Amino acid sequence: MTEENLTFQSAMEELELILQKLDSSEVNIDSLTVDLQRASELIEWCRSRLESTKVDVERIVADLEER
């Protein structure tokens, strides 16, 4: 999935799949670095999305309080 099509839900689902792979008894050492890098990217994307949403919500609430 490209970053343009990424949603918070799909990012969380992908993270869950990576976590399941890492928790399995048969961790694929060959793809471990790739999986961890992707998880890191997804976590950073989710953090950014959450922060952006927080700012938007705070602005909307502030606008409502001014009315």
N, C-alpha and C. Protein backbone atom coordinates (compact mmCIF):
# COMPACT_ATOMS: atom_id res chain seq x y z
N MET A 1 0.85 -1.18 0.00
CA MET A 1 0.00 0.00 0.00
C MET A 1 0.89 1.24 0.00
N THR A 2 0.58 2.16 -0.90
CA THR A 2 1.36 3.39 -0.97
C THR A 2 0.93 4.34 0.13
N GLU A 3 1.82 5.26 0.46
CA GLU A 3 1.54 6.22 1.53
C GLU A 3 0.33 7.10 1.20
N GLU A 4 0.10 7.37 -0.08
CA GLU A 4 -1.05 8.19 -0.47
C GLU A 4 -2.36 7.50 -0.13
N ASN A 5 -2.39 6.18 -0.20
CA ASN A 5 -3.60 5.41 0.07
C ASN A 5 -3.69 4.93 1.51
N LEU A 6 -2.71 5.25 2.31
CA LEU A 6 -2.66 4.75 3.68
C LEU A 6 -3.70 5.45 4.55
N THR A 7 -4.41 4.66 5.33
CA THR A 7 -5.33 5.20 6.33
C THR A 7 -4.82 4.77 7.70
N PHE A 8 -5.30 5.41 8.73
CA PHE A 8 -4.88 5.04 10.07
C PHE A 8 -5.24 3.58 10.33
N GLN A 9 -6.44 3.19 9.93
CA GLN A 9 -6.89 1.81 10.14
C GLN A 9 -6.00 0.81 9.41
N SER A 10 -5.68 1.10 8.16
CA SER A 10 -4.84 0.16 7.40
C SER A 10 -3.42 0.11 7.96
N ALA A 11 -2.92 1.23 8.45
CA ALA A 11 -1.59 1.25 9.07
C ALA A 11 -1.59 0.39 10.33
N MET A 12 -2.63 0.51 11.13
CA MET A 12 -2.72 -0.30 12.35
C MET A 12 -2.84 -1.79 12.01
N GLU A 13 -3.60 -2.10 10.98
CA GLU A 13 -3.74 -3.50 10.56
C GLU A 13 -2.40 -4.07 10.08
N GLU A 14 -1.65 -3.26 9.33
CA GLU A 14 -0.34 -3.71 8.86
C GLU A 14 0.62 -3.90 10.03
N LEU A 15 0.57 -2.98 10.99
CA LEU A 15 1.39 -3.12 12.19
C LEU A 15 1.04 -4.40 12.95
N GLU A 16 -0.24 -4.70 13.03
CA GLU A 16 -0.68 -5.92 13.72
C GLU A 16 -0.15 -7.16 13.01
N LEU A 17 -0.16 -7.16 11.69
CA LEU A 17 0.38 -8.29 10.93
C LEU A 17 1.88 -8.46 11.17
N ILE A 18 2.58 -7.35 11.19
CA ILE A 18 4.03 -7.40 11.46
C ILE A 18 4.27 -7.94 12.85
N LEU A 19 3.50 -7.48 13.81
CA LEU A 19 3.64 -7.95 15.19
C LEU A 19 3.38 -9.45 15.29
N GLN A 20 2.37 -9.91 14.60
CA GLN A 20 2.07 -11.35 14.60
C GLN A 20 3.24 -12.15 14.02
N LYS A 21 3.84 -11.63 12.94
CA LYS A 21 5.00 -12.30 12.35
C LYS A 21 6.16 -12.35 13.34
N LEU A 22 6.37 -11.26 14.05
CA LEU A 22 7.48 -11.20 15.00
C LEU A 22 7.22 -12.07 16.22
N ASP A 23 5.96 -12.24 16.58
CA ASP A 23 5.61 -13.07 17.74
C ASP A 23 5.58 -14.56 17.44
N SER A 24 5.60 -14.89 16.15
CA SER A 24 5.52 -16.31 15.80
C SER A 24 6.81 -17.03 16.18
N SER A 25 6.71 -18.31 16.33
CA SER A 25 7.88 -19.10 16.71
C SER A 25 8.85 -19.27 15.55
N GLU A 26 8.42 -18.92 14.35
CA GLU A 26 9.26 -19.07 13.17
C GLU A 26 9.54 -17.71 12.53
N VAL A 27 10.25 -16.86 13.25
CA VAL A 27 10.59 -15.53 12.72
C VAL A 27 11.53 -15.70 11.54
N ASN A 28 11.22 -15.04 10.45
CA ASN A 28 12.06 -15.08 9.26
C ASN A 28 13.18 -14.05 9.42
N ILE A 29 14.37 -14.53 9.72
CA ILE A 29 15.51 -13.65 9.95
C ILE A 29 15.83 -12.82 8.72
N ASP A 30 15.59 -13.37 7.55
CA ASP A 30 15.90 -12.66 6.31
C ASP A 30 15.05 -11.41 6.11
N SER A 31 13.83 -11.43 6.63
CA SER A 31 12.96 -10.26 6.45
C SER A 31 12.79 -9.45 7.74
N LEU A 32 13.48 -9.82 8.80
CA LEU A 32 13.32 -9.14 10.09
C LEU A 32 13.63 -7.65 10.00
N THR A 33 14.74 -7.30 9.38
CA THR A 33 15.12 -5.89 9.27
C THR A 33 14.09 -5.11 8.46
N VAL A 34 13.61 -5.70 7.37
CA VAL A 34 12.61 -5.04 6.52
C VAL A 34 11.32 -4.83 7.31
N ASP A 35 10.90 -5.86 8.04
CA ASP A 35 9.68 -5.76 8.83
C ASP A 35 9.80 -4.69 9.92
N LEU A 36 10.93 -4.68 10.59
CA LEU A 36 11.13 -3.68 11.65
C LEU A 36 11.19 -2.26 11.09
N GLN A 37 11.81 -2.10 9.93
CA GLN A 37 11.87 -0.78 9.30
C GLN A 37 10.48 -0.32 8.91
N ARG A 38 9.69 -1.21 8.33
CA ARG A 38 8.33 -0.86 7.93
C ARG A 38 7.49 -0.51 9.16
N ALA A 39 7.64 -1.28 10.23
CA ALA A 39 6.90 -0.98 11.46
C ALA A 39 7.27 0.39 11.98
N SER A 40 8.55 0.72 11.94
CA SER A 40 9.01 2.04 12.39
C SER A 40 8.38 3.15 11.55
N GLU A 41 8.34 2.96 10.25
CA GLU A 41 7.73 3.95 9.35
C GLU A 41 6.24 4.11 9.65
N LEU A 42 5.56 3.00 9.85
CA LEU A 42 4.13 3.05 10.14
C LEU A 42 3.85 3.74 11.47
N ILE A 43 4.65 3.44 12.48
CA ILE A 43 4.47 4.08 13.79
C ILE A 43 4.67 5.58 13.67
N GLU A 44 5.68 6.00 12.95
CA GLU A 44 5.93 7.44 12.77
C GLU A 44 4.78 8.09 12.01
N TRP A 45 4.27 7.41 10.97
CA TRP A 45 3.15 7.94 10.21
C TRP A 45 1.92 8.09 11.10
N CYS A 46 1.65 7.07 11.93
CA CYS A 46 0.49 7.11 12.84
C CYS A 46 0.64 8.24 13.86
N ARG A 47 1.82 8.39 14.41
CA ARG A 47 2.05 9.49 15.36
C ARG A 47 1.77 10.84 14.71
N SER A 48 2.27 11.01 13.50
CA SER A 48 2.05 12.26 12.78
C SER A 48 0.57 12.49 12.52
N ARG A 49 -0.12 11.45 12.12
CA ARG A 49 -1.57 11.55 11.85
C ARG A 49 -2.34 11.89 13.12
N LEU A 50 -1.97 11.26 14.22
CA LEU A 50 -2.63 11.55 15.50
C LEU A 50 -2.39 13.00 15.92
N GLU A 51 -1.18 13.49 15.75
CA GLU A 51 -0.86 14.87 16.13
C GLU A 51 -1.64 15.84 15.25
N SER A 52 -1.71 15.56 13.97
CA SER A 52 -2.45 16.41 13.05
C SER A 52 -3.93 16.45 13.41
N THR A 53 -4.48 15.30 13.73
CA THR A 53 -5.89 15.21 14.13
C THR A 53 -6.12 15.96 15.43
N LYS A 54 -5.20 15.84 16.38
CA LYS A 54 -5.32 16.55 17.65
C LYS A 54 -5.38 18.06 17.42
N VAL A 55 -4.51 18.56 16.57
CA VAL A 55 -4.49 20.00 16.27
C VAL A 55 -5.81 20.42 15.63
N ASP A 56 -6.30 19.62 14.70
CA ASP A 56 -7.57 19.94 14.04
C ASP A 56 -8.72 19.97 15.04
N VAL A 57 -8.78 18.98 15.92
CA VAL A 57 -9.86 18.91 16.92
C VAL A 57 -9.77 20.10 17.87
N GLU A 58 -8.57 20.44 18.32
CA GLU A 58 -8.41 21.59 19.23
C GLU A 58 -8.86 22.88 18.55
N ARG A 59 -8.55 23.02 17.26
CA ARG A 59 -8.96 24.22 16.53
C ARG A 59 -10.49 24.28 16.40
N ILE A 60 -11.10 23.16 16.09
CA ILE A 60 -12.56 23.11 15.95
C ILE A 60 -13.23 23.42 17.27
N VAL A 61 -12.74 22.86 18.36
CA VAL A 61 -13.31 23.11 19.69
C VAL A 61 -13.15 24.59 20.05
N ALA A 62 -11.97 25.15 19.78
CA ALA A 62 -11.75 26.56 20.07
C ALA A 62 -12.71 27.44 19.27
N ASP A 63 -12.94 27.09 18.01
CA ASP A 63 -13.89 27.84 17.19
C ASP A 63 -15.30 27.76 17.76
N LEU A 64 -15.68 26.60 18.23
CA LEU A 64 -17.01 26.43 18.82
C LEU A 64 -17.16 27.25 20.10
N GLU A 65 -16.11 27.29 20.89
CA GLU A 65 -16.16 28.03 22.16
C GLU A 65 -16.24 29.53 21.94
N GLU A 66 -15.76 30.02 20.80
CA GLU A 66 -15.80 31.45 20.50
C GLU A 66 -17.19 31.90 20.05
N ARG A 67 -18.03 30.96 19.68
CA ARG A 67 -19.37 31.32 19.17
C ARG A 67 -20.34 31.56 20.27
